[in-house]
Amino acid sequence: MRVKDVMSAQIVTVSPNDTAQSAARLMLETEVGALPVEVPGVGAIVGIITDRDIVVSVLGRGLSTSTTIAEFMTVSPELCNEADETAAVAARMRDLGVRRLVVVNDERRVVGIVSLVDVPAAQAAEEER
């Protein structure tokens, strides 16, 4: 099974110059818990933020909600391709100790996010075939 079959399709990204508050609002509106950070107009993925990052890195440290994403994002997030095999991606996530990977297409554009919770379901479905 391929990543594109199990990923959460997502085309919503944020800029490193956006604020924690605007990111939190976007997460609320789109019902997602993670957002890739993309350089506007370039399309390069330079980071990722999660709802937990906002709580722990911004609120937990007493920073302002106007703190820019560049100040607390995870830099150079791990990526995978939508055509990658889910088993290989799951093993990679476990090896890296991460729960999510940003999914890109062959043009390196964001097409979604795959989570460790997406992969066991995919592997179980594959084993049933």
C-alpha atoms as a PDB file:
ATOM      1  CA  MET A   1       0.000   0.000   0.000  1.00  0.00           C
ATOM      2  CA  ARG A   2       1.216   3.499  -0.816  1.00  0.00           C
ATOM      3  CA  VAL A   3       1.286   6.598   1.393  1.00  0.00           C
ATOM      4  CA  LYS A   4      -1.190   8.373  -0.912  1.00  0.00           C
ATOM      5  CA  ASP A   5      -3.766   5.711   0.014  1.00  0.00           C
ATOM      6  CA  VAL A   6      -3.651   6.460   3.751  1.00  0.00           C
ATOM      7  CA  MET A   7      -2.413  10.031   4.194  1.00  0.00           C
ATOM      8  CA  SER A   8      -4.545  12.927   5.293  1.00  0.00           C
ATOM      9  CA  ALA A   9      -4.749  15.045   2.180  1.00  0.00           C
ATOM     10  CA  GLN A  10      -3.755  18.525   3.171  1.00  0.00           C
ATOM     11  CA  ILE A  11      -2.883  21.572   1.170  1.00  0.00           C
ATOM     12  CA  VAL A  12      -2.995  24.029   4.069  1.00  0.00           C
ATOM     13  CA  THR A  13       0.398  25.400   5.024  1.00  0.00           C
ATOM     14  CA  VAL A  14       1.698  28.338   7.028  1.00  0.00           C
ATOM     15  CA  SER A  15       4.546  30.769   6.534  1.00  0.00           C
ATOM     16  CA  PRO A  16       7.476  31.114   8.942  1.00  0.00           C
ATOM     17  CA  ASN A  17       6.344  34.724   9.436  1.00  0.00           C
ATOM     18  CA  ASP A  18       2.808  33.789  10.530  1.00  0.00           C
ATOM     19  CA  THR A  19       2.013  33.964  14.232  1.00  0.00           C
ATOM     20  CA  ALA A  20       1.243  31.226  16.723  1.00  0.00           C
ATOM     21  CA  GLN A  21      -2.265  32.631  17.078  1.00  0.00           C
ATOM     22  CA  SER A  22      -2.960  32.611  13.334  1.00  0.00           C
ATOM     23  CA  ALA A  23      -1.649  29.041  13.116  1.00  0.00           C
ATOM     24  CA  ALA A  24      -3.843  27.940  16.020  1.00  0.00           C
ATOM     25  CA  ARG A  25      -6.850  29.577  14.399  1.00  0.00           C
ATOM     26  CA  LEU A  26      -6.078  27.835  11.091  1.00  0.00           C
ATOM     27  CA  MET A  27      -5.756  24.486  12.879  1.00  0.00           C
ATOM     28  CA  LEU A  28      -9.137  25.052  14.495  1.00  0.00           C
ATOM     29  CA  GLU A  29     -10.809  26.028  11.215  1.00  0.00           C
ATOM     30  CA  THR A  30      -9.334  23.135   9.235  1.00  0.00           C
ATOM     31  CA  GLU A  31      -9.475  20.585  12.073  1.00  0.00           C
ATOM     32  CA  VAL A  32      -5.837  19.534  11.793  1.00  0.00           C
ATOM     33  CA  GLY A  33      -3.173  19.134  14.450  1.00  0.00           C
ATOM     34  CA  ALA A  34      -0.103  19.815  12.317  1.00  0.00           C
ATOM     35  CA  LEU A  35       0.817  22.304   9.622  1.00  0.00           C
ATOM     36  CA  PRO A  36       3.788  22.239   7.264  1.00  0.00           C
ATOM     37  CA  VAL A  37       5.705  25.522   7.177  1.00  0.00           C
ATOM     38  CA  GLU A  38       6.303  26.670   3.621  1.00  0.00           C
ATOM     39  CA  VAL A  39       8.237  29.594   2.182  1.00  0.00           C
ATOM     40  CA  PRO A  40       5.588  31.709   0.429  1.00  0.00           C
ATOM     41  CA  GLY A  41       5.920  31.805  -3.333  1.00  0.00           C
ATOM     42  CA  VAL A  42       8.739  29.268  -3.311  1.00  0.00           C
ATOM     43  CA  GLY A  43       6.977  26.178  -2.041  1.00  0.00           C
ATOM     44  CA  ALA A  44       9.957  24.916  -0.050  1.00  0.00           C
ATOM     45  CA  ILE A  45       9.020  23.115   3.158  1.00  0.00           C
ATOM     46  CA  VAL A  46      11.226  24.513   5.906  1.00  0.00           C
ATOM     47  CA  GLY A  47       9.459  23.227   8.993  1.00  0.00           C
ATOM     48  CA  ILE A  48       6.395  21.811  10.680  1.00  0.00           C
ATOM     49  CA  ILE A  49       4.366  22.864  13.711  1.00  0.00           C
ATOM     50  CA  THR A  50       1.860  20.950  15.776  1.00  0.00           C
ATOM     51  CA  ASP A  51      -0.835  21.999  18.183  1.00  0.00           C
ATOM     52  CA  ARG A  52       1.417  20.645  20.925  1.00  0.00           C
ATOM     53  CA  ASP A  53       4.235  22.962  19.783  1.00  0.00           C
ATOM     54  CA  ILE A  54       1.949  25.945  20.265  1.00  0.00           C
ATOM     55  CA  VAL A  55       0.937  24.818  23.744  1.00  0.00           C
ATOM     56  CA  VAL A  56       4.361  23.757  25.007  1.00  0.00           C
ATOM     57  CA  SER A  57       6.778  26.033  23.130  1.00  0.00           C
ATOM     58  CA  VAL A  58       4.697  29.195  23.097  1.00  0.00           C
ATOM     59  CA  LEU A  59       2.104  29.164  25.863  1.00  0.00           C
ATOM     60  CA  GLY A  60       4.094  26.957  28.223  1.00  0.00           C
ATOM     61  CA  ARG A  61       7.051  29.315  28.045  1.00  0.00           C
ATOM     62  CA  GLY A  62       4.905  32.395  28.477  1.00  0.00           C
ATOM     63  CA  LEU A  63       5.577  33.706  24.974  1.00  0.00           C
ATOM     64  CA  SER A  64       3.123  35.945  23.182  1.00  0.00           C
ATOM     65  CA  THR A  65       0.623  34.484  20.745  1.00  0.00           C
ATOM     66  CA  SER A  66       2.144  36.934  18.246  1.00  0.00           C
ATOM     67  CA  THR A  67       5.382  34.882  18.326  1.00  0.00           C
ATOM     68  CA  THR A  68       6.308  33.966  14.761  1.00  0.00           C
ATOM     69  CA  ILE A  69       6.252  30.352  13.689  1.00  0.00           C
ATOM     70  CA  ALA A  70       9.940  30.573  12.751  1.00  0.00           C
ATOM     71  CA  GLU A  71      10.715  30.926  16.457  1.00  0.00           C
ATOM     72  CA  PHE A  72       9.258  27.570  17.520  1.00  0.00           C
ATOM     73  CA  MET A  73       8.811  25.347  14.467  1.00  0.00           C
ATOM     74  CA  THR A  74      10.622  22.081  13.965  1.00  0.00           C
ATOM     75  CA  VAL A  75      13.147  22.935  11.267  1.00  0.00           C
ATOM     76  CA  SER A  76      13.751  20.649   8.276  1.00  0.00           C
ATOM     77  CA  PRO A  77      10.924  18.190   8.898  1.00  0.00           C
ATOM     78  CA  GLU A  78      11.133  14.679   7.605  1.00  0.00           C
ATOM     79  CA  LEU A  79       9.407  14.212   4.257  1.00  0.00           C
ATOM     80  CA  CYS A  80       8.175  11.238   2.317  1.00  0.00           C
ATOM     81  CA  ASN A  81       6.762  10.834  -1.165  1.00  0.00           C
ATOM     82  CA  GLU A  82       3.133   9.986  -1.794  1.00  0.00           C
ATOM     83  CA  ALA A  83       4.281   6.932  -3.777  1.00  0.00           C
ATOM     84  CA  ASP A  84       6.365   5.475  -0.921  1.00  0.00           C
ATOM     85  CA  GLU A  85       5.335   2.137   0.576  1.00  0.00           C
ATOM     86  CA  THR A  86       3.552   2.487   3.918  1.00  0.00           C
ATOM     87  CA  ALA A  87       5.616  -0.258   5.569  1.00  0.00           C
ATOM     88  CA  ALA A  88       8.876   1.524   4.747  1.00  0.00           C
ATOM     89  CA  VAL A  89       7.481   4.863   5.917  1.00  0.00           C
ATOM     90  CA  ALA A  90       6.240   3.335   9.187  1.00  0.00           C
ATOM     91  CA  ALA A  91       9.662   1.815   9.842  1.00  0.00           C
ATOM     92  CA  ARG A  92      11.320   5.151   9.081  1.00  0.00           C
ATOM     93  CA  MET A  93       9.015   7.008  11.473  1.00  0.00           C
ATOM     94  CA  ARG A  94       9.750   4.499  14.225  1.00  0.00           C
ATOM     95  CA  ASP A  95      13.510   4.758  13.583  1.00  0.00           C
ATOM     96  CA  LEU A  96      13.372   8.573  13.666  1.00  0.00           C
ATOM     97  CA  GLY A  97      11.043   8.691  16.658  1.00  0.00           C
ATOM     98  CA  VAL A  98       8.492  10.903  14.888  1.00  0.00           C
ATOM     99  CA  ARG A  99       4.728  10.526  14.603  1.00  0.00           C
ATOM    100  CA  ARG A 100       4.128  12.475  11.393  1.00  0.00           C
ATOM    101  CA  LEU A 101       5.785  13.017   8.041  1.00  0.00           C
ATOM    102  CA  VAL A 102       4.978  15.709   5.510  1.00  0.00           C
ATOM    103  CA  VAL A 103       3.975  14.066   2.229  1.00  0.00           C
ATOM    104  CA  VAL A 104       5.147  15.593  -1.024  1.00  0.00           C
ATOM    105  CA  ASN A 105       4.650  14.740  -4.669  1.00  0.00           C
ATOM    106  CA  ASP A 106       7.348  14.363  -7.312  1.00  0.00           C
ATOM    107  CA  GLU A 107       7.486  18.157  -7.691  1.00  0.00           C
ATOM    108  CA  ARG A 108       8.176  18.426  -3.916  1.00  0.00           C
ATOM    109  CA  ARG A 109       4.813  20.138  -3.300  1.00  0.00           C
ATOM    110  CA  VAL A 110       2.929  19.317  -0.100  1.00  0.00           C
ATOM    111  CA  VAL A 111       0.028  16.963  -0.721  1.00  0.00           C
ATOM    112  CA  GLY A 112      -0.647  15.725   2.793  1.00  0.00           C
ATOM    113  CA  ILE A 113       0.552  14.415   6.111  1.00  0.00           C
ATOM    114  CA  VAL A 114       0.914  10.803   7.132  1.00  0.00           C
ATOM    115  CA  SER A 115       0.765   9.822  10.767  1.00  0.00           C
ATOM    116  CA  LEU A 116       1.881   6.676  12.531  1.00  0.00           C
ATOM    117  CA  VAL A 117      -1.775   6.033  13.374  1.00  0.00           C
ATOM    118  CA  ASP A 118      -2.583   5.983   9.636  1.00  0.00           C
ATOM    119  CA  VAL A 119      -0.047   3.285   8.897  1.00  0.00           C
ATOM    120  CA  PRO A 120      -1.132   0.366  11.154  1.00  0.00           C
ATOM    121  CA  ALA A 121      -4.620   0.568   9.655  1.00  0.00           C
ATOM    122  CA  ALA A 122      -3.079   0.442   6.198  1.00  0.00           C
ATOM    123  CA  GLN A 123      -0.903  -2.520   7.103  1.00  0.00           C
ATOM    124  CA  ALA A 124      -3.871  -4.401   8.592  1.00  0.00           C
ATOM    125  CA  ALA A 125      -5.909  -3.793   5.438  1.00  0.00           C
ATOM    126  CA  GLU A 126      -3.001  -4.996   3.315  1.00  0.00           C
ATOM    127  CA  GLU A 127      -2.652  -8.186   5.393  1.00  0.00           C
ATOM    128  CA  GLU A 128      -6.387  -8.948   4.984  1.00  0.00           C
ATOM    129  CA  ARG A 129      -6.050  -9.033   1.190  1.00  0.00           C
END
